[in-house]
Structures are given as structure tokens and as C-alpha cells.
PDB file of N, CA and C in Angstrom:
ATOM      1  N   UNK A   1       6.923  27.377  10.246  1.00  0.00           N
ATOM      2  CA  UNK A   1       8.115  27.587  11.026  1.00  0.00           C
ATOM      3  C   UNK A   1       9.171  26.578  10.596  1.00  0.00           C
ATOM      4  N   UNK A   2      10.358  27.047  10.346  1.00  0.00           N
ATOM      5  CA  UNK A   2      11.443  26.189   9.892  1.00  0.00           C
ATOM      6  C   UNK A   2      12.379  25.891  11.061  1.00  0.00           C
ATOM      7  N   UNK A   3      12.735  24.631  11.257  1.00  0.00           N
ATOM      8  CA  UNK A   3      13.632  24.221  12.329  1.00  0.00           C
ATOM      9  C   UNK A   3      15.078  24.299  11.867  1.00  0.00           C
ATOM     10  N   UNK A   4      15.953  24.625  12.790  1.00  0.00           N
ATOM     11  CA  UNK A   4      17.381  24.713  12.513  1.00  0.00           C
ATOM     12  C   UNK A   4      17.951  23.314  12.338  1.00  0.00           C
ATOM     13  N   UNK A   5      18.663  23.108  11.273  1.00  0.00           N
ATOM     14  CA  UNK A   5      19.307  21.825  11.019  1.00  0.00           C
ATOM     15  C   UNK A   5      20.707  21.859  11.625  1.00  0.00           C
ATOM     16  N   UNK A   6      20.931  21.078  12.667  1.00  0.00           N
ATOM     17  CA  UNK A   6      22.246  21.074  13.324  1.00  0.00           C
ATOM     18  C   UNK A   6      23.075  19.856  12.948  1.00  0.00           C
ATOM     19  N   UNK A   7      22.725  19.266  11.848  1.00  0.00           N
ATOM     20  CA  UNK A   7      23.427  18.067  11.431  1.00  0.00           C
ATOM     21  C   UNK A   7      24.687  18.347  10.627  1.00  0.00           C
ATOM     22  N   UNK A   8      24.936  19.581  10.295  1.00  0.00           N
ATOM     23  CA  UNK A   8      26.146  19.851   9.531  1.00  0.00           C
ATOM     24  C   UNK A   8      27.356  19.841  10.448  1.00  0.00           C
ATOM     25  N   UNK A   9      28.485  19.456   9.939  1.00  0.00           N
ATOM     26  CA  UNK A   9      29.722  19.383  10.711  1.00  0.00           C
ATOM     27  C   UNK A   9      30.100  20.753  11.247  1.00  0.00           C
ATOM     28  N   UNK A  10      29.994  21.777  10.421  1.00  0.00           N
ATOM     29  CA  UNK A  10      30.360  23.136  10.824  1.00  0.00           C
ATOM     30  C   UNK A  10      29.494  23.605  11.988  1.00  0.00           C
ATOM     31  N   UNK A  11      28.203  23.370  11.914  1.00  0.00           N
ATOM     32  CA  UNK A  11      27.289  23.788  12.978  1.00  0.00           C
ATOM     33  C   UNK A  11      27.615  23.064  14.277  1.00  0.00           C
ATOM     34  N   UNK A  12      27.899  21.777  14.190  1.00  0.00           N
ATOM     35  CA  UNK A  12      28.247  21.011  15.397  1.00  0.00           C
ATOM     36  C   UNK A  12      29.546  21.524  16.002  1.00  0.00           C
ATOM     37  N   UNK A  13      30.521  21.893  15.166  1.00  0.00           N
ATOM     38  CA  UNK A  13      31.783  22.428  15.678  1.00  0.00           C
ATOM     39  C   UNK A  13      31.569  23.751  16.397  1.00  0.00           C
ATOM     40  N   UNK A  14      30.751  24.611  15.813  1.00  0.00           N
ATOM     41  CA  UNK A  14      30.467  25.906  16.437  1.00  0.00           C
ATOM     42  C   UNK A  14      29.758  25.707  17.768  1.00  0.00           C
ATOM     43  N   UNK A  15      28.748  24.845  17.791  1.00  0.00           N
ATOM     44  CA  UNK A  15      28.022  24.579  19.039  1.00  0.00           C
ATOM     45  C   UNK A  15      28.937  23.950  20.079  1.00  0.00           C
ATOM     46  N   UNK A  16      29.787  23.028  19.647  1.00  0.00           N
ATOM     47  CA  UNK A  16      30.716  22.386  20.571  1.00  0.00           C
ATOM     48  C   UNK A  16      31.689  23.403  21.152  1.00  0.00           C
ATOM     49  N   UNK A  17      32.232  24.279  20.313  1.00  0.00           N
ATOM     50  CA  UNK A  17      33.156  25.314  20.788  1.00  0.00           C
ATOM     51  C   UNK A  17      32.466  26.269  21.748  1.00  0.00           C
ATOM     52  N   UNK A  18      31.237  26.629  21.432  1.00  0.00           N
ATOM     53  CA  UNK A  18      30.480  27.543  22.299  1.00  0.00           C
ATOM     54  C   UNK A  18      30.207  26.911  23.652  1.00  0.00           C
ATOM     55  N   UNK A  19      29.839  25.653  23.648  1.00  0.00           N
ATOM     56  CA  UNK A  19      29.576  24.960  24.911  1.00  0.00           C
ATOM     57  C   UNK A  19      30.855  24.848  25.740  1.00  0.00           C
ATOM     58  N   UNK A  20      31.966  24.560  25.108  1.00  0.00           N
ATOM     59  CA  UNK A  20      33.236  24.454  25.830  1.00  0.00           C
ATOM     60  C   UNK A  20      33.617  25.800  26.434  1.00  0.00           C
ATOM     61  N   UNK A  21      33.422  26.868  25.687  1.00  0.00           N
ATOM     62  CA  UNK A  21      33.735  28.203  26.202  1.00  0.00           C
ATOM     63  C   UNK A  21      32.851  28.525  27.407  1.00  0.00           C
ATOM     64  N   UNK A  22      31.581  28.151  27.334  1.00  0.00           N
ATOM     65  CA  UNK A  22      30.666  28.389  28.446  1.00  0.00           C
ATOM     66  C   UNK A  22      31.093  27.600  29.677  1.00  0.00           C
ATOM     67  N   UNK A  23      31.421  26.341  29.500  1.00  0.00           N
ATOM     68  CA  UNK A  23      31.857  25.504  30.628  1.00  0.00           C
ATOM     69  C   UNK A  23      33.126  26.072  31.254  1.00  0.00           C
ATOM     70  N   UNK A  24      34.090  26.469  30.435  1.00  0.00           N
ATOM     71  CA  UNK A  24      35.325  27.034  30.966  1.00  0.00           C
ATOM     72  C   UNK A  24      35.081  28.333  31.716  1.00  0.00           C
ATOM     73  N   UNK A  25      34.232  29.189  31.184  1.00  0.00           N
ATOM     74  CA  UNK A  25      33.976  30.458  31.870  1.00  0.00           C
ATOM     75  C   UNK A  25      33.257  30.231  33.179  1.00  0.00           C
ATOM     76  N   UNK A  26      32.332  29.289  33.234  1.00  0.00           N
ATOM     77  CA  UNK A  26      31.646  28.991  34.497  1.00  0.00           C
ATOM     78  C   UNK A  26      32.609  28.396  35.504  1.00  0.00           C
ATOM     79  N   UNK A  27      33.508  27.558  35.055  1.00  0.00           N
ATOM     80  CA  UNK A  27      34.501  26.961  35.942  1.00  0.00           C
ATOM     81  C   UNK A  27      35.421  28.025  36.514  1.00  0.00           C
ATOM     82  N   UNK A  28      35.813  28.970  35.697  1.00  0.00           N
ATOM     83  CA  UNK A  28      36.742  29.997  36.140  1.00  0.00           C
ATOM     84  C   UNK A  28      36.092  30.996  37.080  1.00  0.00           C
ATOM     85  N   UNK A  29      34.779  31.155  37.033  1.00  0.00           N
ATOM     86  CA  UNK A  29      34.111  32.146  37.863  1.00  0.00           C
ATOM     87  C   UNK A  29      33.263  31.527  38.960  1.00  0.00           C
ATOM     88  N   UNK A  30      33.397  30.248  39.200  1.00  0.00           N
ATOM     89  CA  UNK A  30      32.510  29.580  40.138  1.00  0.00           C
ATOM     90  C   UNK A  30      32.977  29.664  41.584  1.00  0.00           C
ATOM     91  N   UNK A  31      33.882  30.529  41.908  1.00  0.00           N
ATOM     92  CA  UNK A  31      34.340  30.671  43.279  1.00  0.00           C
ATOM     93  C   UNK A  31      35.844  30.768  43.329  1.00  0.00           C
ATOM     94  N   UNK A  32      36.302  31.234  44.434  1.00  0.00           N
ATOM     95  CA  UNK A  32      37.732  31.423  44.605  1.00  0.00           C
ATOM     96  C   UNK A  32      38.326  30.255  45.369  1.00  0.00           C
ATOM     97  N   UNK A  33      39.543  29.900  45.019  1.00  0.00           N
ATOM     98  CA  UNK A  33      40.267  28.894  45.775  1.00  0.00           C
ATOM     99  C   UNK A  33      40.886  29.583  46.991  1.00  0.00           C
ATOM    100  N   UNK A  34      41.501  28.807  47.861  1.00  0.00           N
ATOM    101  CA  UNK A  34      42.146  29.379  49.048  1.00  0.00           C
ATOM    102  C   UNK A  34      43.217  30.390  48.646  1.00  0.00           C
ATOM    103  N   UNK A  35      43.970  30.081  47.593  1.00  0.00           N
ATOM    104  CA  UNK A  35      44.999  31.021  47.127  1.00  0.00           C
ATOM    105  C   UNK A  35      44.352  32.298  46.613  1.00  0.00           C
ATOM    106  N   UNK A  36      43.215  32.155  45.918  1.00  0.00           N
ATOM    107  CA  UNK A  36      42.497  33.328  45.419  1.00  0.00           C
ATOM    108  C   UNK A  36      41.984  34.177  46.572  1.00  0.00           C
ATOM    109  N   UNK A  37      41.480  33.543  47.625  1.00  0.00           N
ATOM    110  CA  UNK A  37      40.976  34.286  48.777  1.00  0.00           C
ATOM    111  C   UNK A  37      42.112  35.069  49.416  1.00  0.00           C
ATOM    112  N   UNK A  38      43.279  34.466  49.505  1.00  0.00           N
ATOM    113  CA  UNK A  38      44.440  35.170  50.040  1.00  0.00           C
ATOM    114  C   UNK A  38      44.768  36.393  49.185  1.00  0.00           C
ATOM    115  N   UNK A  39      44.741  36.228  47.877  1.00  0.00           N
ATOM    116  CA  UNK A  39      45.028  37.343  46.972  1.00  0.00           C
ATOM    117  C   UNK A  39      43.922  38.392  47.042  1.00  0.00           C
ATOM    118  N   UNK A  40      42.679  37.950  47.109  1.00  0.00           N
ATOM    119  CA  UNK A  40      41.562  38.888  47.223  1.00  0.00           C
ATOM    120  C   UNK A  40      41.681  39.681  48.517  1.00  0.00           C
ATOM    121  N   UNK A  41      42.050  38.998  49.598  1.00  0.00           N
ATOM    122  CA  UNK A  41      42.279  39.690  50.868  1.00  0.00           C
ATOM    123  C   UNK A  41      43.359  40.759  50.693  1.00  0.00           C
ATOM    124  N   UNK A  42      44.471  40.390  50.084  1.00  0.00           N
ATOM    125  CA  UNK A  42      45.575  41.341  49.894  1.00  0.00           C
ATOM    126  C   UNK A  42      45.151  42.528  49.042  1.00  0.00           C
ATOM    127  N   UNK A  43      44.332  42.264  48.026  1.00  0.00           N
ATOM    128  CA  UNK A  43      43.900  43.325  47.114  1.00  0.00           C
ATOM    129  C   UNK A  43      42.795  44.199  47.691  1.00  0.00           C
ATOM    130  N   UNK A  44      41.944  43.628  48.534  1.00  0.00           N
ATOM    131  CA  UNK A  44      40.727  44.322  48.930  1.00  0.00           C
ATOM    132  C   UNK A  44      40.601  44.650  50.419  1.00  0.00           C
ATOM    133  N   UNK A  45      41.213  43.871  51.273  1.00  0.00           N
ATOM    134  CA  UNK A  45      40.948  43.991  52.707  1.00  0.00           C
ATOM    135  C   UNK A  45      42.173  44.395  53.533  1.00  0.00           C
ATOM    136  N   UNK A  46      43.342  44.003  53.044  1.00  0.00           N
ATOM    137  CA  UNK A  46      44.569  44.133  53.838  1.00  0.00           C
ATOM    138  C   UNK A  46      44.891  45.572  54.230  1.00  0.00           C
ATOM    139  N   UNK A  47      44.528  46.532  53.393  1.00  0.00           N
ATOM    140  CA  UNK A  47      44.876  47.925  53.686  1.00  0.00           C
ATOM    141  C   UNK A  47      44.400  48.335  55.074  1.00  0.00           C
ATOM    142  N   UNK A  48      43.264  47.859  55.484  1.00  0.00           N
ATOM    143  CA  UNK A  48      42.740  48.207  56.815  1.00  0.00           C
ATOM    144  C   UNK A  48      42.885  47.067  57.822  1.00  0.00           C
ATOM    145  N   UNK A  49      42.628  45.819  57.380  1.00  0.00           N
ATOM    146  CA  UNK A  49      42.598  44.710  58.332  1.00  0.00           C
ATOM    147  C   UNK A  49      43.980  44.203  58.721  1.00  0.00           C
ATOM    148  N   UNK A  50      45.025  44.553  57.990  1.00  0.00           N
ATOM    149  CA  UNK A  50      46.382  44.215  58.442  1.00  0.00           C
ATOM    150  C   UNK A  50      46.825  45.139  59.573  1.00  0.00           C
ATOM    151  N   UNK A  51      46.478  46.404  59.463  1.00  0.00           N
ATOM    152  CA  UNK A  51      46.952  47.397  60.436  1.00  0.00           C
ATOM    153  C   UNK A  51      45.923  47.769  61.498  1.00  0.00           C
ATOM    154  N   UNK A  52      44.668  47.446  61.248  1.00  0.00           N
ATOM    155  CA  UNK A  52      43.610  47.879  62.161  1.00  0.00           C
ATOM    156  C   UNK A  52      43.170  49.315  61.901  1.00  0.00           C
ATOM    157  N   UNK A  53      43.516  49.847  60.738  1.00  0.00           N
ATOM    158  CA  UNK A  53      43.148  51.225  60.390  1.00  0.00           C
ATOM    159  C   UNK A  53      41.632  51.404  60.461  1.00  0.00           C
ATOM    160  N   UNK A  54      41.219  52.560  60.886  1.00  0.00           N
ATOM    161  CA  UNK A  54      39.791  52.919  60.975  1.00  0.00           C
ATOM    162  C   UNK A  54      39.001  51.938  61.840  1.00  0.00           C
ATOM    163  N   UNK A  55      39.656  51.411  62.866  1.00  0.00           N
ATOM    164  CA  UNK A  55      39.056  50.471  63.819  1.00  0.00           C
ATOM    165  C   UNK A  55      38.669  49.123  63.217  1.00  0.00           C
ATOM    166  N   UNK A  56      39.281  48.757  62.105  1.00  0.00           N
ATOM    167  CA  UNK A  56      39.027  47.443  61.511  1.00  0.00           C
ATOM    168  C   UNK A  56      39.629  46.371  62.407  1.00  0.00           C
ATOM    169  N   UNK A  57      38.904  45.279  62.584  1.00  0.00           N
ATOM    170  CA  UNK A  57      39.451  44.161  63.344  1.00  0.00           C
ATOM    171  C   UNK A  57      40.605  43.584  62.537  1.00  0.00           C
ATOM    172  N   UNK A  58      41.736  43.387  63.188  1.00  0.00           N
ATOM    173  CA  UNK A  58      42.924  42.895  62.495  1.00  0.00           C
ATOM    174  C   UNK A  58      42.758  41.435  62.089  1.00  0.00           C
ATOM    175  N   UNK A  59      43.332  41.112  60.935  1.00  0.00           N
ATOM    176  CA  UNK A  59      43.394  39.728  60.483  1.00  0.00           C
ATOM    177  C   UNK A  59      44.151  38.935  61.543  1.00  0.00           C
ATOM    178  N   UNK A  60      43.623  37.791  61.912  1.00  0.00           N
ATOM    179  CA  UNK A  60      44.295  36.935  62.884  1.00  0.00           C
ATOM    180  C   UNK A  60      43.887  37.175  64.326  1.00  0.00           C
ATOM    181  N   UNK A  61      43.093  38.214  64.582  1.00  0.00           N
ATOM    182  CA  UNK A  61      42.604  38.456  65.949  1.00  0.00           C
ATOM    183  C   UNK A  61      41.360  37.584  66.150  1.00  0.00           C
ATOM    184  N   UNK A  62      41.613  36.294  66.335  1.00  0.00           N
ATOM    185  CA  UNK A  62      40.539  35.303  66.403  1.00  0.00           C
ATOM    186  C   UNK A  62      39.501  35.617  67.463  1.00  0.00           C
ATOM    187  N   UNK A  63      39.926  36.064  68.609  1.00  0.00           N
ATOM    188  CA  UNK A  63      38.982  36.337  69.696  1.00  0.00           C
ATOM    189  C   UNK A  63      37.970  37.403  69.278  1.00  0.00           C
ATOM    190  N   UNK A  64      38.447  38.501  68.704  1.00  0.00           N
ATOM    191  CA  UNK A  64      37.526  39.565  68.295  1.00  0.00           C
ATOM    192  C   UNK A  64      36.635  39.121  67.136  1.00  0.00           C
ATOM    193  N   UNK A  65      37.211  38.414  66.162  1.00  0.00           N
ATOM    194  CA  UNK A  65      36.414  37.945  65.036  1.00  0.00           C
ATOM    195  C   UNK A  65      35.339  36.964  65.511  1.00  0.00           C
ATOM    196  N   UNK A  66      35.710  36.027  66.369  1.00  0.00           N
ATOM    197  CA  UNK A  66      34.733  35.047  66.850  1.00  0.00           C
ATOM    198  C   UNK A  66      33.624  35.730  67.655  1.00  0.00           C
ATOM    199  N   UNK A  67      33.995  36.729  68.450  1.00  0.00           N
ATOM    200  CA  UNK A  67      32.989  37.477  69.201  1.00  0.00           C
ATOM    201  C   UNK A  67      32.017  38.170  68.245  1.00  0.00           C
ATOM    202  N   UNK A  68      32.556  38.795  67.187  1.00  0.00           N
ATOM    203  CA  UNK A  68      31.722  39.499  66.225  1.00  0.00           C
ATOM    204  C   UNK A  68      30.829  38.539  65.444  1.00  0.00           C
ATOM    205  N   UNK A  69      31.395  37.413  65.035  1.00  0.00           N
ATOM    206  CA  UNK A  69      30.608  36.409  64.304  1.00  0.00           C
ATOM    207  C   UNK A  69      29.476  35.887  65.177  1.00  0.00           C
ATOM    208  N   UNK A  70      29.775  35.615  66.452  1.00  0.00           N
ATOM    209  CA  UNK A  70      28.750  35.123  67.376  1.00  0.00           C
ATOM    210  C   UNK A  70      27.701  36.204  67.640  1.00  0.00           C
ATOM    211  N   UNK A  71      28.137  37.435  67.803  1.00  0.00           N
ATOM    212  CA  UNK A  71      27.237  38.542  68.115  1.00  0.00           C
ATOM    213  C   UNK A  71      26.295  38.859  66.951  1.00  0.00           C
ATOM    214  N   UNK A  72      26.829  38.992  65.750  1.00  0.00           N
ATOM    215  CA  UNK A  72      26.025  39.417  64.606  1.00  0.00           C
ATOM    216  C   UNK A  72      25.525  38.266  63.749  1.00  0.00           C
ATOM    217  N   UNK A  73      26.306  37.208  63.672  1.00  0.00           N
ATOM    218  CA  UNK A  73      26.000  36.103  62.765  1.00  0.00           C
ATOM    219  C   UNK A  73      26.598  36.376  61.394  1.00  0.00           C
ATOM    220  N   UNK A  74      26.957  35.308  60.695  1.00  0.00           N
ATOM    221  CA  UNK A  74      27.620  35.448  59.404  1.00  0.00           C
ATOM    222  C   UNK A  74      26.757  36.166  58.367  1.00  0.00           C
ATOM    223  N   UNK A  75      25.454  35.854  58.255  1.00  0.00           N
ATOM    224  CA  UNK A  75      24.652  36.569  57.252  1.00  0.00           C
ATOM    225  C   UNK A  75      24.642  38.086  57.475  1.00  0.00           C
ATOM    226  N   UNK A  76      24.574  38.520  58.714  1.00  0.00           N
ATOM    227  CA  UNK A  76      24.576  39.964  59.003  1.00  0.00           C
ATOM    228  C   UNK A  76      25.941  40.578  58.709  1.00  0.00           C
ATOM    229  N   UNK A  77      27.012  39.842  58.979  1.00  0.00           N
ATOM    230  CA  UNK A  77      28.353  40.350  58.658  1.00  0.00           C
ATOM    231  C   UNK A  77      28.517  40.508  57.145  1.00  0.00           C
ATOM    232  N   UNK A  78      28.054  39.526  56.404  1.00  0.00           N
ATOM    233  CA  UNK A  78      28.137  39.599  54.944  1.00  0.00           C
ATOM    234  C   UNK A  78      27.342  40.792  54.435  1.00  0.00           C
ATOM    235  N   UNK A  79      26.154  41.006  54.969  1.00  0.00           N
ATOM    236  CA  UNK A  79      25.346  42.163  54.564  1.00  0.00           C
ATOM    237  C   UNK A  79      26.028  43.477  54.923  1.00  0.00           C
ATOM    238  N   UNK A  80      26.724  43.510  56.061  1.00  0.00           N
ATOM    239  CA  UNK A  80      27.463  44.712  56.447  1.00  0.00           C
ATOM    240  C   UNK A  80      28.573  45.015  55.446  1.00  0.00           C
ATOM    241  N   UNK A  81      29.273  43.977  55.022  1.00  0.00           N
ATOM    242  CA  UNK A  81      30.343  44.171  54.041  1.00  0.00           C
ATOM    243  C   UNK A  81      29.740  44.663  52.730  1.00  0.00           C
ATOM    244  N   UNK A  82      28.675  44.014  52.283  1.00  0.00           N
ATOM    245  CA  UNK A  82      28.061  44.377  51.009  1.00  0.00           C
ATOM    246  C   UNK A  82      27.525  45.805  51.020  1.00  0.00           C
ATOM    247  N   UNK A  83      26.930  46.205  52.122  1.00  0.00           N
ATOM    248  CA  UNK A  83      26.342  47.543  52.210  1.00  0.00           C
ATOM    249  C   UNK A  83      27.331  48.620  52.607  1.00  0.00           C
ATOM    250  N   UNK A  84      28.428  48.202  53.187  1.00  0.00           N
ATOM    251  CA  UNK A  84      29.415  49.160  53.664  1.00  0.00           C
ATOM    252  C   UNK A  84      29.051  49.683  55.042  1.00  0.00           C
ATOM    253  N   UNK A  85      30.006  50.318  55.646  1.00  0.00           N
ATOM    254  CA  UNK A  85      29.809  50.934  56.951  1.00  0.00           C
ATOM    255  C   UNK A  85      30.460  52.307  56.897  1.00  0.00           C
ATOM    256  N   UNK A  86      30.340  53.056  57.941  1.00  0.00           N
ATOM    257  CA  UNK A  86      30.900  54.401  57.940  1.00  0.00           C
ATOM    258  C   UNK A  86      32.362  54.378  57.520  1.00  0.00           C
ATOM    259  N   UNK A  87      33.122  53.462  58.073  1.00  0.00           N
ATOM    260  CA  UNK A  87      34.558  53.406  57.826  1.00  0.00           C
ATOM    261  C   UNK A  87      34.950  52.465  56.691  1.00  0.00           C
ATOM    262  N   UNK A  88      34.001  51.705  56.129  1.00  0.00           N
ATOM    263  CA  UNK A  88      34.326  50.738  55.083  1.00  0.00           C
ATOM    264  C   UNK A  88      33.403  50.935  53.884  1.00  0.00           C
ATOM    265  N   UNK A  89      33.975  51.021  52.696  1.00  0.00           N
ATOM    266  CA  UNK A  89      33.138  51.182  51.509  1.00  0.00           C
ATOM    267  C   UNK A  89      32.325  49.919  51.228  1.00  0.00           C
ATOM    268  N   UNK A  90      31.205  50.080  50.550  1.00  0.00           N
ATOM    269  CA  UNK A  90      30.371  48.939  50.167  1.00  0.00           C
ATOM    270  C   UNK A  90      31.207  47.926  49.402  1.00  0.00           C
ATOM    271  N   UNK A  91      31.071  46.681  49.777  1.00  0.00           N
ATOM    272  CA  UNK A  91      31.824  45.623  49.128  1.00  0.00           C
ATOM    273  C   UNK A  91      33.227  45.463  49.663  1.00  0.00           C
ATOM    274  N   UNK A  92      33.630  46.337  50.567  1.00  0.00           N
ATOM    275  CA  UNK A  92      34.971  46.243  51.137  1.00  0.00           C
ATOM    276  C   UNK A  92      36.067  46.267  50.091  1.00  0.00           C
ATOM    277  N   UNK A  93      35.869  46.997  49.030  1.00  0.00           N
ATOM    278  CA  UNK A  93      36.808  47.137  47.901  1.00  0.00           C
ATOM    279  C   UNK A  93      36.886  45.892  47.025  1.00  0.00           C
ATOM    280  N   UNK A  94      35.986  44.955  47.190  1.00  0.00           N
ATOM    281  CA  UNK A  94      35.927  43.783  46.309  1.00  0.00           C
ATOM    282  C   UNK A  94      34.645  43.894  45.487  1.00  0.00           C
ATOM    283  N   UNK A  95      34.772  44.404  44.292  1.00  0.00           N
ATOM    284  CA  UNK A  95      33.598  44.662  43.459  1.00  0.00           C
ATOM    285  C   UNK A  95      32.989  43.427  42.821  1.00  0.00           C
ATOM    286  N   UNK A  96      33.731  42.340  42.770  1.00  0.00           N
ATOM    287  CA  UNK A  96      33.197  41.140  42.124  1.00  0.00           C
ATOM    288  C   UNK A  96      33.067  39.958  43.079  1.00  0.00           C
ATOM    289  N   UNK A  97      33.062  40.208  44.379  1.00  0.00           N
ATOM    290  CA  UNK A  97      32.924  39.129  45.354  1.00  0.00           C
ATOM    291  C   UNK A  97      31.460  38.708  45.499  1.00  0.00           C
ATOM    292  N   UNK A  98      31.269  37.428  45.667  1.00  0.00           N
ATOM    293  CA  UNK A  98      29.950  36.877  45.966  1.00  0.00           C
ATOM    294  C   UNK A  98      29.789  36.787  47.485  1.00  0.00           C
ATOM    295  N   UNK A  99      28.591  36.466  47.933  1.00  0.00           N
ATOM    296  CA  UNK A  99      28.373  36.261  49.366  1.00  0.00           C
ATOM    297  C   UNK A  99      29.301  35.170  49.898  1.00  0.00           C
ATOM    298  N   UNK A 100      29.483  34.113  49.110  1.00  0.00           N
ATOM    299  CA  UNK A 100      30.371  33.027  49.516  1.00  0.00           C
ATOM    300  C   UNK A 100      31.811  33.527  49.654  1.00  0.00           C
ATOM    301  N   UNK A 101      32.234  34.395  48.725  1.00  0.00           N
ATOM    302  CA  UNK A 101      33.580  34.965  48.813  1.00  0.00           C
ATOM    303  C   UNK A 101      33.732  35.804  50.066  1.00  0.00           C
ATOM    304  N   UNK A 102      32.714  36.623  50.384  1.00  0.00           N
ATOM    305  CA  UNK A 102      32.781  37.441  51.602  1.00  0.00           C
ATOM    306  C   UNK A 102      32.878  36.555  52.835  1.00  0.00           C
ATOM    307  N   UNK A 103      32.119  35.472  52.861  1.00  0.00           N
ATOM    308  CA  UNK A 103      32.193  34.561  54.006  1.00  0.00           C
ATOM    309  C   UNK A 103      33.593  33.967  54.107  1.00  0.00           C
ATOM    310  N   UNK A 104      34.156  33.548  52.985  1.00  0.00           N
ATOM    311  CA  UNK A 104      35.507  32.981  53.008  1.00  0.00           C
ATOM    312  C   UNK A 104      36.531  34.018  53.454  1.00  0.00           C
ATOM    313  N   UNK A 105      36.341  35.265  53.036  1.00  0.00           N
ATOM    314  CA  UNK A 105      37.257  36.333  53.469  1.00  0.00           C
ATOM    315  C   UNK A 105      37.150  36.572  54.970  1.00  0.00           C
ATOM    316  N   UNK A 106      35.929  36.598  55.497  1.00  0.00           N
ATOM    317  CA  UNK A 106      35.744  36.785  56.942  1.00  0.00           C
ATOM    318  C   UNK A 106      36.392  35.632  57.699  1.00  0.00           C
ATOM    319  N   UNK A 107      36.155  34.414  57.226  1.00  0.00           N
ATOM    320  CA  UNK A 107      36.773  33.235  57.864  1.00  0.00           C
ATOM    321  C   UNK A 107      38.295  33.310  57.772  1.00  0.00           C
ATOM    322  N   UNK A 108      38.816  33.737  56.641  1.00  0.00           N
ATOM    323  CA  UNK A 108      40.260  33.876  56.442  1.00  0.00           C
ATOM    324  C   UNK A 108      40.838  34.895  57.424  1.00  0.00           C
ATOM    325  N   UNK A 109      40.163  36.015  57.605  1.00  0.00           N
ATOM    326  CA  UNK A 109      40.659  37.042  58.526  1.00  0.00           C
ATOM    327  C   UNK A 109      40.558  36.594  59.974  1.00  0.00           C
ATOM    328  N   UNK A 110      39.615  35.699  60.272  1.00  0.00           N
ATOM    329  CA  UNK A 110      39.394  35.304  61.664  1.00  0.00           C
ATOM    330  C   UNK A 110      40.384  34.240  62.139  1.00  0.00           C
ATOM    331  N   UNK A 111      41.245  33.794  61.271  1.00  0.00           N
ATOM    332  CA  UNK A 111      42.208  32.734  61.663  1.00  0.00           C
ATOM    333  C   UNK A 111      43.562  33.308  61.966  1.00  0.00           C
TER     334      UNK A 111
END
């Protein structure tokens, strides 16, 4: 078995560039900032939660959101979003949201 020789300058440059690209991509996809959550809300949730369409709890209706969070718990709410409901498509129109993103979106709407 022959081992790879990584002592050449070219090989080190390629490995260094690859590692930097990996670090940057992980940094860019490691979660949304508050501004991103606002934009994600506008892109994915606002159509129903701004107006209350299809009986969606309106953004900013803290009393109803807090009641729902207390009643179901955050993990169950996240699972409801991920699985969808009769009136809401699976993922709530956010195809690339993580569980953490869904929690941040729920918290954002509840304020």
C-alpha cells in the first residue's frame, strides 16, 4: 500500500483551499441570524401568519402563541410544522429549515 505524499506545495495549497471552502460553507449554513429569521418568516410564514389566513395564529399575538406553546410544548410544535397540518403544508413552506430554525420562527411569531 502506498501512502499519499502531502509534502508538495501544490498538494498543500489544494488541501488548504478545500479546508477553507468547507469551513466557509459550514459557517454559512450553521443557522440563521435574527435578520435571516425575519426574512425566512417573510418568505415562508407571513402569507398566513400576518393575516391569520386559514386560522393561523397571527404574528405578534403573544397570548395565543404562549398558550399554544404551553399546551403543546415546543418539540410538538416543531414536529407539527415539519409534518404539516390540514391547513399548513409540511415545513410551513421552508424547505431548508432546521428544527432550530423552526423554533426561532415560532419564537419570532410569538413576540
